[in-house]
Amino acid sequence: MSESDARTWAMLAHLSSIVASFLGGLSFLGPLIVWLIYRERSTYVDYHGKEALNFQILMSIAFVGCIILGILTCGVGLIILPVIAVLDIVFVVIAAIKANNGEYYQYPFNWRIVK
């Protein structure tokens, strides 16, 4: 895989989470697909795919946690949900830009489940 293609797929590993979240709320599905297909073709895509996948798993857990908290507190927990959504989008865009520039990016907070 050429360096240009690797940077493009690494960027798409991050951005696919935004598209996947609009198509059913499964934001980890896009990075998972990109990572599974291209992880053996490029170590760069492997790195960014795992970063994006781990971050989106963490964001999915946070979303579910907010919904449960919202149910338990009669809606008060749902106030946190838009904050998490905005942070998710901002960090994904930053990561996509860095990946497209050829830089290795780590999310400021991430739970590295997939290694």
N, C-alpha and C. Protein backbone atom coordinates (compact mmCIF):
# COMPACT_ATOMS: atom_id res chain seq x y z
N MET A 1 0.86 -1.17 0.00
CA MET A 1 0.00 0.00 0.00
C MET A 1 0.90 1.23 0.00
N SER A 2 0.58 2.20 -0.83
CA SER A 2 1.38 3.42 -0.88
C SER A 2 1.16 4.26 0.37
N GLU A 3 2.09 5.16 0.64
CA GLU A 3 1.98 6.01 1.82
C GLU A 3 0.74 6.90 1.74
N SER A 4 0.43 7.37 0.56
CA SER A 4 -0.76 8.22 0.37
C SER A 4 -2.04 7.44 0.67
N ASP A 5 -2.10 6.21 0.18
CA ASP A 5 -3.28 5.37 0.44
C ASP A 5 -3.39 5.04 1.93
N ALA A 6 -2.26 4.77 2.56
CA ALA A 6 -2.28 4.47 3.99
C ALA A 6 -2.79 5.66 4.79
N ARG A 7 -2.35 6.86 4.44
CA ARG A 7 -2.83 8.06 5.15
C ARG A 7 -4.32 8.26 4.93
N THR A 8 -4.78 8.00 3.71
CA THR A 8 -6.21 8.16 3.42
C THR A 8 -7.04 7.16 4.22
N TRP A 9 -6.63 5.90 4.26
CA TRP A 9 -7.39 4.89 5.00
C TRP A 9 -7.32 5.11 6.51
N ALA A 10 -6.17 5.62 6.97
CA ALA A 10 -6.06 5.95 8.40
C ALA A 10 -7.03 7.07 8.76
N MET A 11 -7.11 8.08 7.89
CA MET A 11 -8.05 9.18 8.11
C MET A 11 -9.49 8.66 8.08
N LEU A 12 -9.79 7.78 7.14
CA LEU A 12 -11.14 7.24 7.04
C LEU A 12 -11.50 6.34 8.21
N ALA A 13 -10.50 5.72 8.83
CA ALA A 13 -10.77 4.91 10.02
C ALA A 13 -11.35 5.80 11.12
N HIS A 14 -10.85 7.02 11.22
CA HIS A 14 -11.37 7.94 12.23
C HIS A 14 -12.73 8.52 11.80
N LEU A 15 -12.80 9.01 10.57
CA LEU A 15 -14.02 9.69 10.11
C LEU A 15 -15.20 8.73 9.92
N SER A 16 -14.93 7.47 9.68
CA SER A 16 -16.03 6.52 9.49
C SER A 16 -16.89 6.37 10.74
N SER A 17 -16.34 6.71 11.88
CA SER A 17 -17.12 6.62 13.12
C SER A 17 -18.27 7.62 13.12
N ILE A 18 -18.05 8.78 12.53
CA ILE A 18 -19.11 9.79 12.47
C ILE A 18 -20.24 9.29 11.57
N VAL A 19 -19.88 8.75 10.41
CA VAL A 19 -20.89 8.23 9.48
C VAL A 19 -21.63 7.06 10.11
N ALA A 20 -20.88 6.16 10.74
CA ALA A 20 -21.51 4.97 11.35
C ALA A 20 -22.45 5.35 12.48
N SER A 21 -22.13 6.40 13.22
CA SER A 21 -23.00 6.78 14.34
C SER A 21 -24.33 7.34 13.83
N PHE A 22 -24.32 7.98 12.66
CA PHE A 22 -25.58 8.48 12.09
C PHE A 22 -26.41 7.35 11.49
N LEU A 23 -25.77 6.25 11.17
CA LEU A 23 -26.48 5.13 10.55
C LEU A 23 -26.96 4.09 11.55
N GLY A 24 -27.08 4.47 12.78
CA GLY A 24 -27.61 3.52 13.75
C GLY A 24 -26.96 3.58 15.11
N GLY A 25 -26.10 4.54 15.33
CA GLY A 25 -25.50 4.70 16.64
C GLY A 25 -24.35 3.76 16.95
N LEU A 26 -23.91 3.00 15.99
CA LEU A 26 -22.80 2.07 16.21
C LEU A 26 -21.51 2.70 15.69
N SER A 27 -21.00 3.67 16.43
CA SER A 27 -19.86 4.45 15.97
C SER A 27 -18.58 3.63 15.84
N PHE A 28 -18.49 2.50 16.52
CA PHE A 28 -17.29 1.67 16.43
C PHE A 28 -17.28 0.79 15.19
N LEU A 29 -18.39 0.69 14.50
CA LEU A 29 -18.49 -0.21 13.35
C LEU A 29 -17.62 0.24 12.17
N GLY A 30 -17.59 1.53 11.89
CA GLY A 30 -16.77 2.05 10.78
C GLY A 30 -15.29 1.79 10.99
N PRO A 31 -14.72 2.21 12.14
CA PRO A 31 -13.31 1.92 12.39
C PRO A 31 -12.99 0.42 12.41
N LEU A 32 -13.93 -0.38 12.91
CA LEU A 32 -13.72 -1.82 12.96
C LEU A 32 -13.58 -2.39 11.55
N ILE A 33 -14.43 -1.98 10.65
CA ILE A 33 -14.39 -2.49 9.27
C ILE A 33 -13.09 -2.08 8.59
N VAL A 34 -12.72 -0.79 8.71
CA VAL A 34 -11.48 -0.30 8.09
C VAL A 34 -10.28 -1.04 8.67
N TRP A 35 -10.26 -1.19 10.00
CA TRP A 35 -9.13 -1.85 10.64
C TRP A 35 -9.02 -3.31 10.22
N LEU A 36 -10.14 -4.03 10.19
CA LEU A 36 -10.10 -5.45 9.81
C LEU A 36 -9.64 -5.66 8.37
N ILE A 37 -10.01 -4.77 7.49
CA ILE A 37 -9.65 -4.92 6.08
C ILE A 37 -8.20 -4.53 5.81
N TYR A 38 -7.73 -3.44 6.42
CA TYR A 38 -6.43 -2.87 6.05
C TYR A 38 -5.32 -3.04 7.09
N ARG A 39 -5.55 -3.70 8.19
CA ARG A 39 -4.54 -3.79 9.25
C ARG A 39 -3.29 -4.54 8.83
N GLU A 40 -3.43 -5.51 7.96
CA GLU A 40 -2.27 -6.28 7.52
C GLU A 40 -1.56 -5.66 6.34
N ARG A 41 -2.15 -4.69 5.71
CA ARG A 41 -1.53 -4.06 4.55
C ARG A 41 -0.64 -2.88 4.93
N SER A 42 -0.89 -2.30 6.10
CA SER A 42 -0.11 -1.13 6.51
C SER A 42 -0.08 -1.03 8.03
N THR A 43 1.11 -0.88 8.59
CA THR A 43 1.20 -0.70 10.04
C THR A 43 0.63 0.65 10.46
N TYR A 44 0.69 1.62 9.56
CA TYR A 44 0.13 2.94 9.85
C TYR A 44 -1.39 2.87 9.99
N VAL A 45 -2.04 2.18 9.07
CA VAL A 45 -3.49 2.01 9.13
C VAL A 45 -3.86 1.13 10.33
N ASP A 46 -3.03 0.13 10.62
CA ASP A 46 -3.26 -0.72 11.78
C ASP A 46 -3.27 0.13 13.06
N TYR A 47 -2.28 1.01 13.21
CA TYR A 47 -2.20 1.87 14.40
C TYR A 47 -3.43 2.76 14.51
N HIS A 48 -3.74 3.49 13.45
CA HIS A 48 -4.87 4.43 13.51
C HIS A 48 -6.21 3.72 13.60
N GLY A 49 -6.32 2.57 12.98
CA GLY A 49 -7.55 1.79 13.08
C GLY A 49 -7.81 1.36 14.50
N LYS A 50 -6.76 0.88 15.18
CA LYS A 50 -6.92 0.47 16.58
C LYS A 50 -7.23 1.66 17.48
N GLU A 51 -6.56 2.80 17.24
CA GLU A 51 -6.83 4.00 18.04
C GLU A 51 -8.29 4.42 17.88
N ALA A 52 -8.76 4.48 16.64
CA ALA A 52 -10.13 4.90 16.38
C ALA A 52 -11.13 3.90 16.97
N LEU A 53 -10.85 2.63 16.79
CA LEU A 53 -11.74 1.59 17.32
C LEU A 53 -11.83 1.65 18.83
N ASN A 54 -10.70 1.74 19.50
CA ASN A 54 -10.69 1.82 20.96
C ASN A 54 -11.43 3.05 21.47
N PHE A 55 -11.21 4.18 20.80
CA PHE A 55 -11.88 5.41 21.24
C PHE A 55 -13.39 5.31 21.04
N GLN A 56 -13.82 4.73 19.95
CA GLN A 56 -15.25 4.62 19.70
C GLN A 56 -15.92 3.59 20.61
N ILE A 57 -15.19 2.56 20.99
CA ILE A 57 -15.74 1.64 22.00
C ILE A 57 -15.94 2.38 23.31
N LEU A 58 -14.95 3.19 23.70
CA LEU A 58 -15.06 3.98 24.92
C LEU A 58 -16.23 4.96 24.83
N MET A 59 -16.39 5.62 23.68
CA MET A 59 -17.50 6.57 23.52
C MET A 59 -18.85 5.85 23.56
N SER A 60 -18.93 4.66 23.00
CA SER A 60 -20.17 3.89 23.05
C SER A 60 -20.53 3.52 24.48
N ILE A 61 -19.52 3.12 25.25
CA ILE A 61 -19.75 2.81 26.66
C ILE A 61 -20.21 4.06 27.40
N ALA A 62 -19.60 5.20 27.10
CA ALA A 62 -19.99 6.46 27.75
C ALA A 62 -21.44 6.84 27.40
N PHE A 63 -21.81 6.68 26.13
CA PHE A 63 -23.19 6.98 25.72
C PHE A 63 -24.19 6.09 26.44
N VAL A 64 -23.91 4.81 26.49
CA VAL A 64 -24.82 3.88 27.19
C VAL A 64 -24.88 4.22 28.67
N GLY A 65 -23.73 4.55 29.26
CA GLY A 65 -23.70 4.95 30.66
C GLY A 65 -24.54 6.19 30.93
N CYS A 66 -24.47 7.16 30.03
CA CYS A 66 -25.29 8.38 30.19
C CYS A 66 -26.77 8.08 30.08
N ILE A 67 -27.13 7.19 29.17
CA ILE A 67 -28.54 6.84 29.03
C ILE A 67 -29.04 6.12 30.28
N ILE A 68 -28.24 5.20 30.79
CA ILE A 68 -28.63 4.51 32.04
C ILE A 68 -28.73 5.50 33.18
N LEU A 69 -27.75 6.40 33.28
CA LEU A 69 -27.78 7.43 34.32
C LEU A 69 -29.00 8.33 34.15
N GLY A 70 -29.34 8.63 32.90
CA GLY A 70 -30.53 9.44 32.64
C GLY A 70 -31.81 8.75 33.08
N ILE A 71 -31.89 7.46 32.87
CA ILE A 71 -33.08 6.71 33.30
C ILE A 71 -33.16 6.68 34.83
N LEU A 72 -32.03 6.46 35.47
CA LEU A 72 -32.01 6.37 36.93
C LEU A 72 -32.27 7.72 37.62
N THR A 73 -31.92 8.82 36.93
CA THR A 73 -32.07 10.15 37.54
C THR A 73 -33.19 10.96 36.91
N CYS A 74 -34.10 10.30 36.23
CA CYS A 74 -35.25 10.95 35.58
C CYS A 74 -34.81 12.03 34.60
N GLY A 75 -33.77 11.75 33.84
CA GLY A 75 -33.35 12.65 32.77
C GLY A 75 -32.16 13.54 33.08
N VAL A 76 -31.77 13.65 34.32
CA VAL A 76 -30.66 14.54 34.67
C VAL A 76 -29.35 14.05 34.03
N GLY A 77 -29.15 12.76 33.97
CA GLY A 77 -27.94 12.20 33.38
C GLY A 77 -27.81 12.45 31.89
N LEU A 78 -28.92 12.76 31.24
CA LEU A 78 -28.88 13.01 29.79
C LEU A 78 -28.26 14.36 29.44
N ILE A 79 -28.06 15.21 30.44
CA ILE A 79 -27.42 16.51 30.20
C ILE A 79 -25.98 16.33 29.73
N ILE A 80 -25.34 15.27 30.16
CA ILE A 80 -23.95 15.01 29.81
C ILE A 80 -23.81 14.51 28.37
N LEU A 81 -24.85 13.95 27.82
CA LEU A 81 -24.81 13.32 26.50
C LEU A 81 -24.33 14.27 25.38
N PRO A 82 -24.86 15.50 25.27
CA PRO A 82 -24.36 16.39 24.21
C PRO A 82 -22.89 16.76 24.37
N VAL A 83 -22.43 16.86 25.60
CA VAL A 83 -21.02 17.17 25.83
C VAL A 83 -20.13 16.05 25.31
N ILE A 84 -20.52 14.82 25.58
CA ILE A 84 -19.76 13.67 25.09
C ILE A 84 -19.80 13.61 23.57
N ALA A 85 -20.94 13.91 22.98
CA ALA A 85 -21.07 13.88 21.52
C ALA A 85 -20.16 14.92 20.87
N VAL A 86 -20.12 16.11 21.42
CA VAL A 86 -19.26 17.17 20.86
C VAL A 86 -17.78 16.80 21.03
N LEU A 87 -17.40 16.30 22.19
CA LEU A 87 -16.01 15.88 22.41
C LEU A 87 -15.63 14.76 21.43
N ASP A 88 -16.53 13.84 21.20
CA ASP A 88 -16.29 12.75 20.26
C ASP A 88 -15.99 13.30 18.87
N ILE A 89 -16.84 14.17 18.39
CA ILE A 89 -16.65 14.72 17.04
C ILE A 89 -15.38 15.54 16.94
N VAL A 90 -15.10 16.36 17.93
CA VAL A 90 -13.90 17.21 17.90
C VAL A 90 -12.64 16.35 17.87
N PHE A 91 -12.56 15.36 18.76
CA PHE A 91 -11.36 14.52 18.79
C PHE A 91 -11.22 13.66 17.54
N VAL A 92 -12.33 13.22 16.97
CA VAL A 92 -12.27 12.44 15.73
C VAL A 92 -11.74 13.29 14.58
N VAL A 93 -12.20 14.52 14.47
CA VAL A 93 -11.73 15.41 13.40
C VAL A 93 -10.24 15.72 13.57
N ILE A 94 -9.81 15.98 14.80
CA ILE A 94 -8.39 16.23 15.04
C ILE A 94 -7.57 15.00 14.66
N ALA A 95 -8.02 13.82 15.06
CA ALA A 95 -7.30 12.58 14.75
C ALA A 95 -7.25 12.35 13.24
N ALA A 96 -8.33 12.63 12.54
CA ALA A 96 -8.37 12.43 11.09
C ALA A 96 -7.40 13.38 10.39
N ILE A 97 -7.32 14.61 10.83
CA ILE A 97 -6.38 15.57 10.24
C ILE A 97 -4.95 15.12 10.47
N LYS A 98 -4.66 14.71 11.70
CA LYS A 98 -3.30 14.23 12.02
C LYS A 98 -2.96 13.00 11.20
N ALA A 99 -3.90 12.07 11.07
CA ALA A 99 -3.65 10.86 10.28
C ALA A 99 -3.40 11.19 8.82
N ASN A 100 -4.14 12.13 8.28
CA ASN A 100 -3.96 12.52 6.89
C ASN A 100 -2.63 13.24 6.67
N ASN A 101 -2.11 13.88 7.73
CA ASN A 101 -0.82 14.56 7.63
C ASN A 101 0.36 13.61 7.85
N GLY A 102 0.07 12.35 8.14
CA GLY A 102 1.13 11.38 8.33
C GLY A 102 1.64 11.29 9.76
N GLU A 103 0.91 11.84 10.71
CA GLU A 103 1.33 11.84 12.11
C GLU A 103 0.60 10.74 12.88
N TYR A 104 1.30 10.19 13.86
CA TYR A 104 0.68 9.22 14.76
C TYR A 104 -0.02 10.02 15.87
N TYR A 105 -1.29 9.76 16.07
CA TYR A 105 -2.07 10.52 17.03
C TYR A 105 -2.65 9.58 18.07
N GLN A 106 -2.56 10.01 19.33
CA GLN A 106 -3.23 9.30 20.42
C GLN A 106 -4.30 10.21 20.98
N TYR A 107 -5.49 9.66 21.17
CA TYR A 107 -6.55 10.43 21.80
C TYR A 107 -6.14 10.78 23.23
N PRO A 108 -6.54 11.96 23.72
CA PRO A 108 -6.14 12.38 25.06
C PRO A 108 -6.55 11.40 26.16
N PHE A 109 -7.67 10.76 25.98
CA PHE A 109 -8.09 9.71 26.91
C PHE A 109 -8.63 8.58 26.05
N ASN A 110 -8.14 7.40 26.32
CA ASN A 110 -8.55 6.26 25.52
C ASN A 110 -8.35 5.00 26.35
N TRP A 111 -9.23 4.06 26.18
CA TRP A 111 -9.14 2.79 26.85
C TRP A 111 -8.74 1.78 25.80
N ARG A 112 -7.53 1.36 25.83
CA ARG A 112 -6.99 0.49 24.79
C ARG A 112 -7.37 -0.97 25.01
N ILE A 113 -8.53 -1.32 24.48
CA ILE A 113 -9.05 -2.67 24.59
C ILE A 113 -8.44 -3.56 23.51
N VAL A 114 -8.45 -3.06 22.28
CA VAL A 114 -7.87 -3.77 21.14
C VAL A 114 -6.39 -3.39 21.06
N LYS A 115 -5.52 -4.39 21.12
CA LYS A 115 -4.07 -4.10 21.11
C LYS A 115 -3.38 -4.66 19.91
